[in-house]
PDB file of N, CA and C in Angstrom:
ATOM      1  N   MET A   1      94.270  98.669 122.194  1.00  0.00           N
ATOM      2  CA  MET A   1      95.151  97.597 122.616  1.00  0.00           C
ATOM      3  C   MET A   1      95.500  97.728 124.090  1.00  0.00           C
ATOM      4  N   LEU A   2      95.715  98.942 124.551  1.00  0.00           N
ATOM      5  CA  LEU A   2      96.049  99.185 125.955  1.00  0.00           C
ATOM      6  C   LEU A   2      94.890  98.782 126.866  1.00  0.00           C
ATOM      7  N   ASN A   3      93.670  99.032 126.401  1.00  0.00           N
ATOM      8  CA  ASN A   3      92.487  98.639 127.165  1.00  0.00           C
ATOM      9  C   ASN A   3      92.405  97.113 127.285  1.00  0.00           C
ATOM     10  N   PHE A   4      92.717  96.405 126.220  1.00  0.00           N
ATOM     11  CA  PHE A   4      92.718  94.936 126.236  1.00  0.00           C
ATOM     12  C   PHE A   4      93.719  94.407 127.256  1.00  0.00           C
ATOM     13  N   ILE A   5      94.896  94.979 127.312  1.00  0.00           N
ATOM     14  CA  ILE A   5      95.930  94.544 128.254  1.00  0.00           C
ATOM     15  C   ILE A   5      95.488  94.791 129.691  1.00  0.00           C
ATOM     16  N   LYS A   6      94.855  95.924 129.951  1.00  0.00           N
ATOM     17  CA  LYS A   6      94.364  96.222 131.300  1.00  0.00           C
ATOM     18  C   LYS A   6      93.284  95.225 131.717  1.00  0.00           C
ATOM     19  N   ASN A   7      92.362  94.935 130.799  1.00  0.00           N
ATOM     20  CA  ASN A   7      91.302  93.967 131.105  1.00  0.00           C
ATOM     21  C   ASN A   7      91.870  92.562 131.300  1.00  0.00           C
ATOM     22  N   PHE A   8      92.818  92.199 130.485  1.00  0.00           N
ATOM     23  CA  PHE A   8      93.430  90.872 130.596  1.00  0.00           C
ATOM     24  C   PHE A   8      94.148  90.719 131.931  1.00  0.00           C
ATOM     25  N   ARG A   9      94.826  91.749 132.351  1.00  0.00           N
ATOM     26  CA  ARG A   9      95.575  91.723 133.605  1.00  0.00           C
ATOM     27  C   ARG A   9      94.635  91.650 134.814  1.00  0.00           C
ATOM     28  N   ALA A  10      93.481  92.284 134.728  1.00  0.00           N
ATOM     29  CA  ALA A  10      92.526  92.304 135.838  1.00  0.00           C
ATOM     30  C   ALA A  10      91.656  91.048 135.895  1.00  0.00           C
ATOM     31  N   ASP A  11      91.573  90.300 134.812  1.00  0.00           N
ATOM     32  CA  ASP A  11      90.714  89.123 134.751  1.00  0.00           C
ATOM     33  C   ASP A  11      91.323  87.979 135.558  1.00  0.00           C
ATOM     34  N   GLU A  12      90.512  87.348 136.437  1.00  0.00           N
ATOM     35  CA  GLU A  12      90.990  86.256 137.282  1.00  0.00           C
ATOM     36  C   GLU A  12      90.134  85.003 137.130  1.00  0.00           C
ATOM     37  N   ASP A  13      89.513  84.804 135.985  1.00  0.00           N
ATOM     38  CA  ASP A  13      88.589  83.688 135.815  1.00  0.00           C
ATOM     39  C   ASP A  13      89.258  82.321 135.907  1.00  0.00           C
ATOM     40  N   GLY A  14      90.469  82.168 135.463  1.00  0.00           N
ATOM     41  CA  GLY A  14      91.112  80.860 135.468  1.00  0.00           C
ATOM     42  C   GLY A  14      92.040  80.616 136.637  1.00  0.00           C
ATOM     43  N   ALA A  15      92.121  81.543 137.572  1.00  0.00           N
ATOM     44  CA  ALA A  15      93.094  81.443 138.662  1.00  0.00           C
ATOM     45  C   ALA A  15      92.797  80.277 139.593  1.00  0.00           C
ATOM     46  N   VAL A  16      91.538  80.011 139.882  1.00  0.00           N
ATOM     47  CA  VAL A  16      91.185  78.921 140.792  1.00  0.00           C
ATOM     48  C   VAL A  16      91.533  77.577 140.168  1.00  0.00           C
ATOM     49  N   THR A  17      91.334  77.441 138.891  1.00  0.00           N
ATOM     50  CA  THR A  17      91.674  76.197 138.210  1.00  0.00           C
ATOM     51  C   THR A  17      93.164  75.922 138.292  1.00  0.00           C
ATOM     52  N   VAL A  18      93.959  76.926 138.102  1.00  0.00           N
ATOM     53  CA  VAL A  18      95.411  76.759 138.198  1.00  0.00           C
ATOM     54  C   VAL A  18      95.803  76.347 139.608  1.00  0.00           C
ATOM     55  N   ASP A  19      95.181  76.934 140.617  1.00  0.00           N
ATOM     56  CA  ASP A  19      95.461  76.557 142.006  1.00  0.00           C
ATOM     57  C   ASP A  19      95.156  75.084 142.249  1.00  0.00           C
ATOM     58  N   TRP A  20      94.008  74.628 141.768  1.00  0.00           N
ATOM     59  CA  TRP A  20      93.639  73.229 141.977  1.00  0.00           C
ATOM     60  C   TRP A  20      94.576  72.285 141.240  1.00  0.00           C
ATOM     61  N   VAL A  21      95.007  72.645 140.064  1.00  0.00           N
ATOM     62  CA  VAL A  21      95.941  71.795 139.319  1.00  0.00           C
ATOM     63  C   VAL A  21      97.258  71.675 140.070  1.00  0.00           C
ATOM     64  N   VAL A  22      97.762  72.776 140.587  1.00  0.00           N
ATOM     65  CA  VAL A  22      99.026  72.754 141.328  1.00  0.00           C
ATOM     66  C   VAL A  22      98.872  71.949 142.612  1.00  0.00           C
ATOM     67  N   LEU A  23      97.792  72.151 143.349  1.00  0.00           N
ATOM     68  CA  LEU A  23      97.566  71.404 144.581  1.00  0.00           C
ATOM     69  C   LEU A  23      97.408  69.909 144.318  1.00  0.00           C
ATOM     70  N   THR A  24      96.687  69.549 143.272  1.00  0.00           N
ATOM     71  CA  THR A  24      96.509  68.139 142.937  1.00  0.00           C
ATOM     72  C   THR A  24      97.830  67.501 142.546  1.00  0.00           C
ATOM     73  N   ALA A  25      98.640  68.196 141.790  1.00  0.00           N
ATOM     74  CA  ALA A  25      99.955  67.672 141.413  1.00  0.00           C
ATOM     75  C   ALA A  25     100.837  67.478 142.642  1.00  0.00           C
ATOM     76  N   ALA A  26     100.767  68.382 143.596  1.00  0.00           N
ATOM     77  CA  ALA A  26     101.557  68.247 144.825  1.00  0.00           C
ATOM     78  C   ALA A  26     101.096  67.050 145.641  1.00  0.00           C
ATOM     79  N   VAL A  27      99.797  66.840 145.741  1.00  0.00           N
ATOM     80  CA  VAL A  27      99.273  65.692 146.487  1.00  0.00           C
ATOM     81  C   VAL A  27      99.677  64.387 145.814  1.00  0.00           C
ATOM     82  N   VAL A  28      99.611  64.325 144.507  1.00  0.00           N
ATOM     83  CA  VAL A  28     100.018  63.120 143.780  1.00  0.00           C
ATOM     84  C   VAL A  28     101.505  62.856 143.970  1.00  0.00           C
ATOM     85  N   ALA A  29     102.319  63.884 143.924  1.00  0.00           N
ATOM     86  CA  ALA A  29     103.763  63.712 144.126  1.00  0.00           C
ATOM     87  C   ALA A  29     104.062  63.204 145.527  1.00  0.00           C
ATOM     88  N   MET A  30     103.368  63.725 146.535  1.00  0.00           N
ATOM     89  CA  MET A  30     103.579  63.241 147.905  1.00  0.00           C
ATOM     90  C   MET A  30     103.110  61.801 148.060  1.00  0.00           C
ATOM     91  N   ALA A  31     102.017  61.441 147.404  1.00  0.00           N
ATOM     92  CA  ALA A  31     101.522  60.067 147.477  1.00  0.00           C
ATOM     93  C   ALA A  31     102.509  59.101 146.833  1.00  0.00           C
ATOM     94  N   ILE A  32     103.103  59.485 145.723  1.00  0.00           N
ATOM     95  CA  ILE A  32     104.102  58.632 145.072  1.00  0.00           C
ATOM     96  C   ILE A  32     105.318  58.467 145.971  1.00  0.00           C
ATOM     97  N   GLY A  33     105.761  59.538 146.592  1.00  0.00           N
ATOM     98  CA  GLY A  33     106.898  59.459 147.509  1.00  0.00           C
ATOM     99  C   GLY A  33     106.604  58.576 148.706  1.00  0.00           C
ATOM    100  N   ALA A  34     105.415  58.703 149.277  1.00  0.00           N
ATOM    101  CA  ALA A  34     105.038  57.876 150.423  1.00  0.00           C
ATOM    102  C   ALA A  34     104.937  56.412 150.017  1.00  0.00           C
ATOM    103  N   TYR A  35     104.347  56.135 148.867  1.00  0.00           N
ATOM    104  CA  TYR A  35     104.223  54.754 148.396  1.00  0.00           C
ATOM    105  C   TYR A  35     105.593  54.114 148.210  1.00  0.00           C
ATOM    106  N   THR A  36     106.517  54.838 147.608  1.00  0.00           N
ATOM    107  CA  THR A  36     107.858  54.306 147.377  1.00  0.00           C
ATOM    108  C   THR A  36     108.560  54.003 148.692  1.00  0.00           C
ATOM    109  N   THR A  37     108.457  54.901 149.653  1.00  0.00           N
ATOM    110  CA  THR A  37     109.093  54.697 150.952  1.00  0.00           C
ATOM    111  C   THR A  37     108.488  53.502 151.675  1.00  0.00           C
ATOM    112  N   ILE A  38     107.181  53.408 151.698  1.00  0.00           N
ATOM    113  CA  ILE A  38     106.514  52.304 152.385  1.00  0.00           C
ATOM    114  C   ILE A  38     106.828  50.984 151.703  1.00  0.00           C
ATOM    115  N   LYS A  39     106.830  50.953 150.375  1.00  0.00           N
ATOM    116  CA  LYS A  39     107.107  49.715 149.647  1.00  0.00           C
ATOM    117  C   LYS A  39     108.517  49.224 149.919  1.00  0.00           C
ATOM    118  N   ASP A  40     109.499  50.108 149.857  1.00  0.00           N
ATOM    119  CA  ASP A  40     110.884  49.704 150.097  1.00  0.00           C
ATOM    120  C   ASP A  40     111.071  49.180 151.512  1.00  0.00           C
ATOM    121  N   ASN A  41     110.522  49.872 152.495  1.00  0.00           N
ATOM    122  CA  ASN A  41     110.687  49.448 153.879  1.00  0.00           C
ATOM    123  C   ASN A  41     109.924  48.164 154.177  1.00  0.00           C
ATOM    124  N   SER A  42     108.758  47.975 153.588  1.00  0.00           N
ATOM    125  CA  SER A  42     108.017  46.740 153.826  1.00  0.00           C
ATOM    126  C   SER A  42     108.710  45.554 153.161  1.00  0.00           C
ATOM    127  N   ASP A  43     109.330  45.753 152.010  1.00  0.00           N
ATOM    128  CA  ASP A  43     110.100  44.671 151.389  1.00  0.00           C
ATOM    129  C   ASP A  43     111.263  44.254 152.284  1.00  0.00           C
ATOM    130  N   ASN A  44     111.941  45.226 152.880  1.00  0.00           N
ATOM    131  CA  ASN A  44     113.044  44.911 153.791  1.00  0.00           C
ATOM    132  C   ASN A  44     112.539  44.180 155.029  1.00  0.00           C
ATOM    133  N   MET A  45     111.403  44.584 155.568  1.00  0.00           N
ATOM    134  CA  MET A  45     110.856  43.950 156.759  1.00  0.00           C
ATOM    135  C   MET A  45     110.405  42.522 156.453  1.00  0.00           C
ATOM    136  N   ILE A  46     109.798  42.297 155.309  1.00  0.00           N
ATOM    137  CA  ILE A  46     109.376  40.954 154.920  1.00  0.00           C
ATOM    138  C   ILE A  46     110.586  40.046 154.764  1.00  0.00           C
ATOM    139  N   SER A  47     111.629  40.555 154.153  1.00  0.00           N
ATOM    140  CA  SER A  47     112.856  39.773 153.987  1.00  0.00           C
ATOM    141  C   SER A  47     113.474  39.434 155.339  1.00  0.00           C
ATOM    142  N   ALA A  48     113.525  40.387 156.251  1.00  0.00           N
ATOM    143  CA  ALA A  48     114.091  40.142 157.583  1.00  0.00           C
ATOM    144  C   ALA A  48     113.245  39.139 158.356  1.00  0.00           C
ATOM    145  N   ALA A  49     111.934  39.230 158.257  1.00  0.00           N
ATOM    146  CA  ALA A  49     111.059  38.283 158.948  1.00  0.00           C
ATOM    147  C   ALA A  49     111.232  36.879 158.378  1.00  0.00           C
ATOM    148  N   GLY A  50     111.347  36.766 157.074  1.00  0.00           N
ATOM    149  CA  GLY A  50     111.574  35.457 156.457  1.00  0.00           C
ATOM    150  C   GLY A  50     112.891  34.845 156.885  1.00  0.00           C
ATOM    151  N   ASN A  51     113.933  35.658 156.958  1.00  0.00           N
ATOM    152  CA  ASN A  51     115.232  35.155 157.409  1.00  0.00           C
ATOM    153  C   ASN A  51     115.181  34.720 158.868  1.00  0.00           C
ATOM    154  N   ALA A  52     114.472  35.459 159.712  1.00  0.00           N
ATOM    155  CA  ALA A  52     114.351  35.093 161.125  1.00  0.00           C
ATOM    156  C   ALA A  52     113.585  33.790 161.284  1.00  0.00           C
ATOM    157  N   ILE A  53     112.530  33.614 160.526  1.00  0.00           N
ATOM    158  CA  ILE A  53     111.756  32.367 160.595  1.00  0.00           C
ATOM    159  C   ILE A  53     112.590  31.195 160.098  1.00  0.00           C
ATOM    160  N   ALA A  54     113.316  31.385 159.017  1.00  0.00           N
ATOM    161  CA  ALA A  54     114.172  30.312 158.499  1.00  0.00           C
ATOM    162  C   ALA A  54     115.252  29.950 159.505  1.00  0.00           C
ATOM    163  N   SER A  55     115.800  30.921 160.183  1.00  0.00           N
ATOM    164  CA  SER A  55     116.824  30.676 161.199  1.00  0.00           C
ATOM    165  C   SER A  55     116.252  29.885 162.372  1.00  0.00           C
ATOM    166  N   GLU A  56     115.084  30.250 162.840  1.00  0.00           N
ATOM    167  CA  GLU A  56     114.457  29.534 163.960  1.00  0.00           C
ATOM    168  C   GLU A  56     114.003  28.147 163.544  1.00  0.00           C
ATOM    169  N   GLN A  57     113.572  27.990 162.328  1.00  0.00           N
ATOM    170  CA  GLN A  57     113.143  26.679 161.854  1.00  0.00           C
ATOM    171  C   GLN A  57     114.321  25.718 161.848  1.00  0.00           C
ATOM    172  N   GLY A  58     115.492  26.204 161.484  1.00  0.00           N
ATOM    173  CA  GLY A  58     116.696  25.371 161.515  1.00  0.00           C
ATOM    174  C   GLY A  58     117.054  24.960 162.929  1.00  0.00           C
ATOM    175  N   ASN A  59     116.793  25.795 163.915  1.00  0.00           N
ATOM    176  CA  ASN A  59     117.082  25.464 165.309  1.00  0.00           C
ATOM    177  C   ASN A  59     116.085  24.460 165.873  1.00  0.00           C
ATOM    178  N   LEU A  60     114.855  24.467 165.390  1.00  0.00           N
ATOM    179  CA  LEU A  60     113.829  23.570 165.920  1.00  0.00           C
ATOM    180  C   LEU A  60     113.966  22.157 165.386  1.00  0.00           C
ATOM    181  N   PHE A  61     114.378  22.008 164.168  1.00  0.00           N
ATOM    182  CA  PHE A  61     114.427  20.671 163.572  1.00  0.00           C
ATOM    183  C   PHE A  61     115.830  20.280 163.361  1.00  0.00           C
TER     184      PHE A  61
END
């Protein structure tokens, strides 16, 4: 049993897979955060541009 524990502790076959899973999850989390920030700010900018155009249209006619 002690030999099994030593071999199990020294074995690194799945370590690279775990690294890739963690890195992929981090990239996905950052992409979701960036998407949310860009979407919220672009909605605000579109609303402000629409209000500015409506304001100028009222001044022209």
